[in-house]
Amino acid sequence: MSRERAEAYLEAAGFGDRVIRLSESSATVQLAAEALGVEPGRIAKTLSFLTKDGPVLVLAEGMARIDNRKFKDTFQTKAKMISPEEVEGYIGHAPGGVCPFGVKEGVPVYLDESLKVFDVVYPAAGDDHSAVRLTLPELEKASRAAGWVDVCKAPEGGQ
């Protein structure tokens, strides 16, 4: 059901032709990168957190890690990921297919600055055998992003 909801959402937003159906699993960043033939950083992973104001989604570069201090400074609460058992109830997508498309009403989507090193990224499209090829401006529009945030750690050895 979540794949159908994500695809219908993307179709309505004008990005239905960007959905990529995969025969291989895309449930993790590494599996998605291998299935798509791209570097893992281009996988826009969707992280789901529970804040005092409710659930939020943060899309980050595939290899990025959350910086707890930056997250707390941004959202005024500790970074608490939604458990795999609860994510579908809060977000509307099951683990492996969590994406910013067709989520439950009232769930804000934020894009992390870590994505800006890429021109094209690949978030999931509602299940663990899908992706969507989008430029950053397209991702911003398609996800109806509430804004850009900086909540990830700098990569090892730089930035």
N, C-alpha and C. Protein backbone atom coordinates (compact mmCIF):
# COMPACT_ATOMS: atom_id res chain seq x y z
N MET A 1 0.82 -1.21 0.00
CA MET A 1 0.00 0.00 0.00
C MET A 1 0.86 1.27 0.00
N SER A 2 1.98 1.27 0.73
CA SER A 2 2.76 2.50 0.78
C SER A 2 3.43 2.80 -0.56
N ARG A 3 3.81 1.75 -1.33
CA ARG A 3 4.39 2.00 -2.65
C ARG A 3 3.36 2.66 -3.55
N GLU A 4 2.14 2.15 -3.53
CA GLU A 4 1.09 2.72 -4.35
C GLU A 4 0.81 4.17 -3.96
N ARG A 5 0.81 4.45 -2.66
CA ARG A 5 0.57 5.82 -2.19
C ARG A 5 1.71 6.74 -2.64
N ALA A 6 2.96 6.29 -2.50
CA ALA A 6 4.10 7.10 -2.91
C ALA A 6 4.08 7.35 -4.42
N GLU A 7 3.79 6.31 -5.20
CA GLU A 7 3.77 6.47 -6.65
C GLU A 7 2.62 7.38 -7.10
N ALA A 8 1.46 7.27 -6.47
CA ALA A 8 0.33 8.16 -6.81
C ALA A 8 0.68 9.60 -6.47
N TYR A 9 1.33 9.80 -5.34
CA TYR A 9 1.76 11.13 -4.92
C TYR A 9 2.74 11.71 -5.94
N LEU A 10 3.74 10.90 -6.33
CA LEU A 10 4.74 11.37 -7.29
C LEU A 10 4.11 11.65 -8.66
N GLU A 11 3.17 10.82 -9.06
CA GLU A 11 2.47 11.03 -10.33
C GLU A 11 1.73 12.37 -10.30
N ALA A 12 1.02 12.62 -9.22
CA ALA A 12 0.26 13.87 -9.08
C ALA A 12 1.19 15.09 -9.05
N ALA A 13 2.40 14.90 -8.51
CA ALA A 13 3.37 16.00 -8.42
C ALA A 13 4.15 16.19 -9.71
N GLY A 14 3.92 15.32 -10.70
CA GLY A 14 4.61 15.44 -11.97
C GLY A 14 5.93 14.69 -12.07
N PHE A 15 6.18 13.78 -11.12
CA PHE A 15 7.43 13.05 -11.11
C PHE A 15 7.24 11.54 -11.22
N GLY A 16 6.08 11.12 -11.65
CA GLY A 16 5.80 9.69 -11.76
C GLY A 16 6.73 8.96 -12.70
N ASP A 17 7.22 9.65 -13.72
CA ASP A 17 8.12 9.02 -14.68
C ASP A 17 9.54 8.84 -14.12
N ARG A 18 9.80 9.34 -12.94
CA ARG A 18 11.13 9.23 -12.32
C ARG A 18 11.26 7.99 -11.42
N VAL A 19 10.16 7.31 -11.16
CA VAL A 19 10.19 6.14 -10.28
C VAL A 19 10.92 5.00 -10.97
N ILE A 20 11.82 4.37 -10.23
CA ILE A 20 12.60 3.24 -10.74
C ILE A 20 12.19 2.01 -9.93
N ARG A 21 11.66 1.01 -10.61
CA ARG A 21 11.30 -0.26 -9.98
C ARG A 21 12.53 -1.16 -10.09
N LEU A 22 12.91 -1.80 -9.00
CA LEU A 22 14.11 -2.61 -8.97
C LEU A 22 13.79 -4.08 -8.71
N SER A 23 14.52 -4.98 -9.35
CA SER A 23 14.35 -6.40 -9.05
C SER A 23 15.14 -6.76 -7.80
N GLU A 24 16.20 -6.00 -7.53
CA GLU A 24 17.01 -6.22 -6.33
C GLU A 24 16.47 -5.36 -5.18
N SER A 25 16.78 -5.76 -3.96
CA SER A 25 16.35 -4.99 -2.79
C SER A 25 17.09 -3.66 -2.72
N SER A 26 16.36 -2.65 -2.28
CA SER A 26 16.94 -1.32 -2.03
C SER A 26 16.69 -0.92 -0.58
N ALA A 27 16.56 -1.93 0.30
CA ALA A 27 16.18 -1.70 1.69
C ALA A 27 17.23 -0.96 2.51
N THR A 28 18.49 -1.02 2.10
CA THR A 28 19.54 -0.29 2.80
C THR A 28 20.26 0.61 1.80
N VAL A 29 21.03 1.54 2.30
CA VAL A 29 21.79 2.44 1.43
C VAL A 29 22.70 1.63 0.51
N GLN A 30 23.42 0.68 1.07
CA GLN A 30 24.36 -0.11 0.28
C GLN A 30 23.65 -0.92 -0.80
N LEU A 31 22.55 -1.58 -0.43
CA LEU A 31 21.80 -2.37 -1.41
C LEU A 31 21.22 -1.47 -2.51
N ALA A 32 20.69 -0.32 -2.13
CA ALA A 32 20.13 0.62 -3.12
C ALA A 32 21.21 1.11 -4.06
N ALA A 33 22.38 1.46 -3.53
CA ALA A 33 23.48 1.94 -4.36
C ALA A 33 23.92 0.87 -5.35
N GLU A 34 24.02 -0.37 -4.89
CA GLU A 34 24.41 -1.46 -5.78
C GLU A 34 23.36 -1.69 -6.85
N ALA A 35 22.10 -1.70 -6.46
CA ALA A 35 21.01 -1.95 -7.42
C ALA A 35 20.94 -0.86 -8.49
N LEU A 36 21.25 0.38 -8.09
CA LEU A 36 21.17 1.51 -9.02
C LEU A 36 22.48 1.79 -9.75
N GLY A 37 23.58 1.20 -9.26
CA GLY A 37 24.88 1.45 -9.87
C GLY A 37 25.41 2.84 -9.60
N VAL A 38 25.14 3.36 -8.38
CA VAL A 38 25.61 4.69 -8.00
C VAL A 38 26.38 4.60 -6.69
N GLU A 39 27.10 5.66 -6.37
CA GLU A 39 27.81 5.68 -5.09
C GLU A 39 26.80 5.81 -3.95
N PRO A 40 27.09 5.21 -2.78
CA PRO A 40 26.14 5.22 -1.65
C PRO A 40 25.71 6.61 -1.21
N GLY A 41 26.55 7.61 -1.35
CA GLY A 41 26.19 8.96 -0.95
C GLY A 41 25.01 9.53 -1.72
N ARG A 42 24.80 9.05 -2.94
CA ARG A 42 23.69 9.55 -3.77
C ARG A 42 22.32 9.00 -3.33
N ILE A 43 22.33 8.02 -2.45
CA ILE A 43 21.07 7.51 -1.93
C ILE A 43 20.60 8.49 -0.86
N ALA A 44 19.47 9.12 -1.10
CA ALA A 44 18.92 10.08 -0.12
C ALA A 44 18.12 9.28 0.91
N LYS A 45 18.80 8.94 2.00
CA LYS A 45 18.11 8.14 3.00
C LYS A 45 17.15 9.01 3.80
N THR A 46 16.01 8.43 4.11
CA THR A 46 14.97 9.13 4.84
C THR A 46 14.97 8.62 6.27
N LEU A 47 15.31 9.50 7.19
CA LEU A 47 15.38 9.15 8.61
C LEU A 47 14.15 9.70 9.31
N SER A 48 13.53 8.87 10.13
CA SER A 48 12.31 9.29 10.83
C SER A 48 12.58 9.45 12.32
N PHE A 49 12.21 10.60 12.84
CA PHE A 49 12.45 10.94 14.24
C PHE A 49 11.14 11.33 14.91
N LEU A 50 11.10 11.11 16.21
CA LEU A 50 9.97 11.55 17.01
C LEU A 50 10.44 12.72 17.86
N THR A 51 9.81 13.87 17.68
CA THR A 51 10.14 15.06 18.46
C THR A 51 8.97 15.39 19.38
N LYS A 52 9.15 16.38 20.22
CA LYS A 52 8.05 16.77 21.13
C LYS A 52 6.84 17.29 20.36
N ASP A 53 7.07 17.72 19.11
CA ASP A 53 5.97 18.20 18.26
C ASP A 53 5.42 17.11 17.34
N GLY A 54 5.93 15.90 17.43
CA GLY A 54 5.48 14.81 16.59
C GLY A 54 6.58 14.30 15.69
N PRO A 55 6.23 13.43 14.74
CA PRO A 55 7.25 12.86 13.86
C PRO A 55 7.75 13.87 12.84
N VAL A 56 9.03 13.73 12.46
CA VAL A 56 9.64 14.51 11.38
C VAL A 56 10.50 13.57 10.54
N LEU A 57 10.64 13.91 9.28
CA LEU A 57 11.53 13.18 8.39
C LEU A 57 12.70 14.08 8.02
N VAL A 58 13.89 13.48 7.97
CA VAL A 58 15.08 14.19 7.52
C VAL A 58 15.72 13.34 6.43
N LEU A 59 15.87 13.92 5.24
CA LEU A 59 16.58 13.25 4.16
C LEU A 59 18.03 13.67 4.21
N ALA A 60 18.92 12.69 4.18
CA ALA A 60 20.35 12.96 4.26
C ALA A 60 21.10 12.14 3.22
N GLU A 61 22.29 12.58 2.91
CA GLU A 61 23.20 11.87 2.03
C GLU A 61 23.41 10.47 2.61
N GLY A 62 23.47 9.46 1.75
CA GLY A 62 23.47 8.06 2.16
C GLY A 62 24.47 7.65 3.22
N MET A 63 25.63 8.26 3.26
CA MET A 63 26.66 7.88 4.22
C MET A 63 26.70 8.80 5.45
N ALA A 64 25.83 9.78 5.48
CA ALA A 64 25.84 10.76 6.58
C ALA A 64 25.34 10.14 7.88
N ARG A 65 25.81 10.69 8.97
CA ARG A 65 25.39 10.28 10.31
C ARG A 65 24.83 11.51 11.02
N ILE A 66 23.82 11.29 11.83
CA ILE A 66 23.22 12.39 12.58
C ILE A 66 24.18 12.87 13.66
N ASP A 67 24.29 14.17 13.79
CA ASP A 67 25.06 14.82 14.86
C ASP A 67 24.04 15.20 15.93
N ASN A 68 24.11 14.52 17.07
CA ASN A 68 23.10 14.72 18.12
C ASN A 68 23.01 16.17 18.59
N ARG A 69 24.13 16.85 18.71
CA ARG A 69 24.13 18.25 19.15
C ARG A 69 23.43 19.13 18.12
N LYS A 70 23.76 18.97 16.85
CA LYS A 70 23.13 19.77 15.80
C LYS A 70 21.62 19.49 15.74
N PHE A 71 21.25 18.22 15.90
CA PHE A 71 19.83 17.87 15.87
C PHE A 71 19.10 18.56 17.01
N LYS A 72 19.66 18.48 18.20
CA LYS A 72 19.02 19.10 19.37
C LYS A 72 18.94 20.62 19.21
N ASP A 73 19.99 21.24 18.68
CA ASP A 73 19.97 22.68 18.45
C ASP A 73 18.90 23.08 17.43
N THR A 74 18.67 22.21 16.45
CA THR A 74 17.70 22.51 15.39
C THR A 74 16.26 22.24 15.82
N PHE A 75 16.04 21.09 16.46
CA PHE A 75 14.67 20.67 16.79
C PHE A 75 14.32 20.79 18.28
N GLN A 76 15.24 21.31 19.08
CA GLN A 76 15.03 21.52 20.51
C GLN A 76 14.63 20.24 21.25
N THR A 77 15.14 19.11 20.77
CA THR A 77 14.90 17.84 21.43
C THR A 77 15.97 16.86 21.00
N LYS A 78 16.18 15.85 21.82
CA LYS A 78 17.16 14.80 21.51
C LYS A 78 16.71 14.02 20.28
N ALA A 79 17.68 13.60 19.47
CA ALA A 79 17.39 12.80 18.28
C ALA A 79 16.95 11.40 18.71
N LYS A 80 15.66 11.11 18.52
CA LYS A 80 15.11 9.81 18.87
C LYS A 80 14.45 9.22 17.63
N MET A 81 15.11 8.24 17.05
CA MET A 81 14.56 7.62 15.84
C MET A 81 13.30 6.82 16.20
N ILE A 82 12.36 6.82 15.28
CA ILE A 82 11.15 6.03 15.46
C ILE A 82 11.51 4.56 15.24
N SER A 83 11.05 3.69 16.12
CA SER A 83 11.39 2.27 16.02
C SER A 83 10.80 1.67 14.74
N PRO A 84 11.45 0.63 14.22
CA PRO A 84 10.94 -0.02 13.01
C PRO A 84 9.49 -0.50 13.17
N GLU A 85 9.12 -0.90 14.37
CA GLU A 85 7.75 -1.38 14.62
C GLU A 85 6.72 -0.25 14.56
N GLU A 86 7.14 0.98 14.82
CA GLU A 86 6.22 2.11 14.89
C GLU A 86 6.25 3.04 13.68
N VAL A 87 7.28 2.90 12.84
CA VAL A 87 7.48 3.89 11.77
C VAL A 87 6.30 3.94 10.80
N GLU A 88 5.75 2.80 10.43
CA GLU A 88 4.64 2.83 9.47
C GLU A 88 3.42 3.54 10.05
N GLY A 89 3.17 3.35 11.35
CA GLY A 89 2.05 4.02 11.99
C GLY A 89 2.21 5.53 12.03
N TYR A 90 3.42 6.00 12.26
CA TYR A 90 3.67 7.44 12.32
C TYR A 90 3.80 8.08 10.94
N ILE A 91 4.50 7.40 10.03
CA ILE A 91 4.88 8.00 8.75
C ILE A 91 3.98 7.56 7.59
N GLY A 92 3.59 6.30 7.60
CA GLY A 92 2.78 5.78 6.51
C GLY A 92 3.54 4.87 5.57
N HIS A 93 4.83 4.67 5.82
CA HIS A 93 5.66 3.77 5.01
C HIS A 93 6.39 2.81 5.94
N ALA A 94 6.58 1.58 5.48
CA ALA A 94 7.27 0.56 6.26
C ALA A 94 8.79 0.71 6.14
N PRO A 95 9.55 0.17 7.10
CA PRO A 95 11.01 0.19 7.01
C PRO A 95 11.48 -0.39 5.67
N GLY A 96 12.52 0.24 5.10
CA GLY A 96 13.04 -0.17 3.80
C GLY A 96 12.43 0.63 2.67
N GLY A 97 11.27 1.25 2.92
CA GLY A 97 10.62 2.04 1.89
C GLY A 97 10.22 3.42 2.37
N VAL A 98 10.69 3.79 3.56
CA VAL A 98 10.34 5.10 4.10
C VAL A 98 10.88 6.17 3.15
N CYS A 99 9.99 7.07 2.77
CA CYS A 99 10.34 8.12 1.83
C CYS A 99 9.49 9.35 2.13
N PRO A 100 9.80 10.48 1.53
CA PRO A 100 9.04 11.71 1.82
C PRO A 100 7.80 11.89 0.95
N PHE A 101 7.42 10.87 0.20
CA PHE A 101 6.33 11.00 -0.76
C PHE A 101 5.10 10.25 -0.28
N GLY A 102 3.99 10.97 -0.13
CA GLY A 102 2.76 10.33 0.31
C GLY A 102 2.76 9.96 1.78
N VAL A 103 3.44 10.76 2.59
CA VAL A 103 3.47 10.49 4.03
C VAL A 103 2.17 10.97 4.67
N LYS A 104 1.98 10.57 5.91
CA LYS A 104 0.77 10.99 6.63
C LYS A 104 0.73 12.50 6.77
N GLU A 105 -0.46 13.03 6.78
CA GLU A 105 -0.68 14.47 6.92
C GLU A 105 0.00 15.01 8.17
N GLY A 106 0.65 16.15 8.04
CA GLY A 106 1.26 16.81 9.19
C GLY A 106 2.68 16.38 9.52
N VAL A 107 3.27 15.47 8.73
CA VAL A 107 4.65 15.04 8.97
C VAL A 107 5.57 15.93 8.12
N PRO A 108 6.31 16.84 8.77
CA PRO A 108 7.20 17.71 8.00
C PRO A 108 8.43 16.97 7.48
N VAL A 109 8.90 17.39 6.32
CA VAL A 109 10.07 16.81 5.68
C VAL A 109 11.15 17.88 5.61
N TYR A 110 12.35 17.52 6.06
CA TYR A 110 13.49 18.43 6.00
C TYR A 110 14.59 17.78 5.18
N LEU A 111 15.33 18.60 4.45
CA LEU A 111 16.46 18.13 3.66
C LEU A 111 17.74 18.57 4.34
N ASP A 112 18.64 17.62 4.57
CA ASP A 112 19.90 17.96 5.23
C ASP A 112 20.92 18.50 4.23
N GLU A 113 21.71 19.45 4.70
CA GLU A 113 22.75 20.08 3.88
C GLU A 113 23.70 19.07 3.25
N SER A 114 23.84 17.88 3.85
CA SER A 114 24.76 16.86 3.33
C SER A 114 24.40 16.45 1.90
N LEU A 115 23.15 16.62 1.51
CA LEU A 115 22.72 16.26 0.15
C LEU A 115 23.31 17.19 -0.90
N LYS A 116 23.70 18.39 -0.51
CA LYS A 116 24.11 19.41 -1.47
C LYS A 116 25.41 19.12 -2.21
N VAL A 117 26.12 18.06 -1.85
CA VAL A 117 27.33 17.70 -2.60
C VAL A 117 26.97 16.98 -3.89
N PHE A 118 25.70 16.62 -4.07
CA PHE A 118 25.25 15.90 -5.26
C PHE A 118 24.24 16.72 -6.04
N ASP A 119 24.24 16.55 -7.36
CA ASP A 119 23.25 17.21 -8.19
C ASP A 119 22.00 16.35 -8.33
N VAL A 120 22.18 15.04 -8.33
CA VAL A 120 21.08 14.09 -8.46
C VAL A 120 21.16 13.09 -7.31
N VAL A 121 20.02 12.80 -6.70
CA VAL A 121 19.96 11.83 -5.60
C VAL A 121 18.81 10.85 -5.85
N TYR A 122 18.80 9.79 -5.05
CA TYR A 122 17.83 8.71 -5.22
C TYR A 122 17.18 8.33 -3.89
N PRO A 123 16.07 8.96 -3.53
CA PRO A 123 15.33 8.50 -2.36
C PRO A 123 14.48 7.28 -2.74
N ALA A 124 13.98 6.57 -1.73
CA ALA A 124 13.08 5.44 -1.95
C ALA A 124 11.74 5.96 -2.47
N ALA A 125 10.92 5.01 -2.96
CA ALA A 125 9.60 5.37 -3.48
C ALA A 125 8.51 4.51 -2.85
N GLY A 126 8.62 4.26 -1.55
CA GLY A 126 7.53 3.60 -0.84
C GLY A 126 7.70 2.14 -0.52
N ASP A 127 8.71 1.49 -1.09
CA ASP A 127 8.98 0.11 -0.69
C ASP A 127 10.46 -0.20 -0.87
N ASP A 128 10.84 -1.44 -0.58
CA ASP A 128 12.25 -1.82 -0.58
C ASP A 128 12.75 -2.33 -1.94
N HIS A 129 12.05 -1.99 -3.00
CA HIS A 129 12.48 -2.32 -4.36
C HIS A 129 12.22 -1.14 -5.29
N SER A 130 12.49 0.07 -4.78
CA SER A 130 12.18 1.26 -5.57
C SER A 130 13.12 2.41 -5.25
N ALA A 131 13.15 3.36 -6.17
CA ALA A 131 13.88 4.61 -5.97
C ALA A 131 13.28 5.64 -6.91
N VAL A 132 13.66 6.90 -6.69
CA VAL A 132 13.23 7.99 -7.55
C VAL A 132 14.47 8.81 -7.88
N ARG A 133 14.71 9.09 -9.17
CA ARG A 133 15.86 9.90 -9.58
C ARG A 133 15.41 11.34 -9.65
N LEU A 134 16.00 12.19 -8.77
CA LEU A 134 15.60 13.59 -8.70
C LEU A 134 16.82 14.50 -8.53
N THR A 135 16.75 15.68 -9.15
CA THR A 135 17.74 16.71 -8.85
C THR A 135 17.35 17.30 -7.49
N LEU A 136 18.24 18.06 -6.89
CA LEU A 136 17.91 18.66 -5.59
C LEU A 136 16.71 19.60 -5.65
N PRO A 137 16.61 20.48 -6.66
CA PRO A 137 15.40 21.31 -6.75
C PRO A 137 14.13 20.47 -6.92
N GLU A 138 14.23 19.39 -7.68
CA GLU A 138 13.08 18.51 -7.85
C GLU A 138 12.72 17.81 -6.54
N LEU A 139 13.74 17.37 -5.79
CA LEU A 139 13.50 16.73 -4.50
C LEU A 139 12.82 17.71 -3.54
N GLU A 140 13.31 18.93 -3.54
CA GLU A 140 12.72 19.96 -2.68
C GLU A 140 11.23 20.15 -3.00
N LYS A 141 10.92 20.21 -4.28
CA LYS A 141 9.53 20.39 -4.71
C LYS A 141 8.71 19.13 -4.43
N ALA A 142 9.20 17.98 -4.86
CA ALA A 142 8.44 16.73 -4.74
C ALA A 142 8.17 16.35 -3.29
N SER A 143 9.10 16.65 -2.40
CA SER A 143 8.94 16.28 -0.99
C SER A 143 8.17 17.34 -0.20
N ARG A 144 7.90 18.48 -0.86
CA ARG A 144 7.30 19.62 -0.16
C ARG A 144 8.08 19.94 1.11
N ALA A 145 9.39 20.00 0.95
CA ALA A 145 10.29 20.19 2.08
C ALA A 145 9.94 21.44 2.88
N ALA A 146 9.96 21.27 4.19
CA ALA A 146 9.73 22.39 5.11
C ALA A 146 10.95 23.29 5.17
N GLY A 147 12.09 22.79 4.66
CA GLY A 147 13.31 23.58 4.64
C GLY A 147 14.55 22.72 4.69
N TRP A 148 15.69 23.40 4.65
CA TRP A 148 16.99 22.75 4.75
C TRP A 148 17.48 22.85 6.18
N VAL A 149 18.11 21.79 6.67
CA VAL A 149 18.68 21.77 8.00
C VAL A 149 20.11 21.26 7.92
N ASP A 150 20.88 21.47 8.97
CA ASP A 150 22.25 20.95 9.07
C ASP A 150 22.32 20.14 10.35
N VAL A 151 21.98 18.84 10.25
CA VAL A 151 21.93 17.99 11.45
C VAL A 151 22.83 16.77 11.34
N CYS A 152 23.71 16.75 10.31
CA CYS A 152 24.60 15.60 10.15
C CYS A 152 26.04 15.99 10.48
N LYS A 153 26.82 14.97 10.83
CA LYS A 153 28.23 15.16 11.12
C LYS A 153 28.98 15.42 9.82
N ALA A 154 30.06 16.18 9.92
CA ALA A 154 30.92 16.38 8.77
C ALA A 154 31.55 15.04 8.41
N PRO A 155 31.76 14.77 7.13
CA PRO A 155 32.36 13.49 6.74
C PRO A 155 33.76 13.36 7.31
N GLU A 156 34.19 12.11 7.49
CA GLU A 156 35.54 11.84 8.00
C GLU A 156 36.58 12.53 7.12
N GLY A 157 37.46 13.25 7.76
CA GLY A 157 38.58 13.87 7.06
C GLY A 157 38.26 15.13 6.28
N GLY A 158 37.12 15.76 6.56
CA GLY A 158 36.87 16.97 5.79
C GLY A 158 35.67 17.75 6.20
N GLN A 159 35.41 18.76 5.44
CA GLN A 159 34.29 19.70 5.53
C GLN A 159 34.30 20.44 6.81
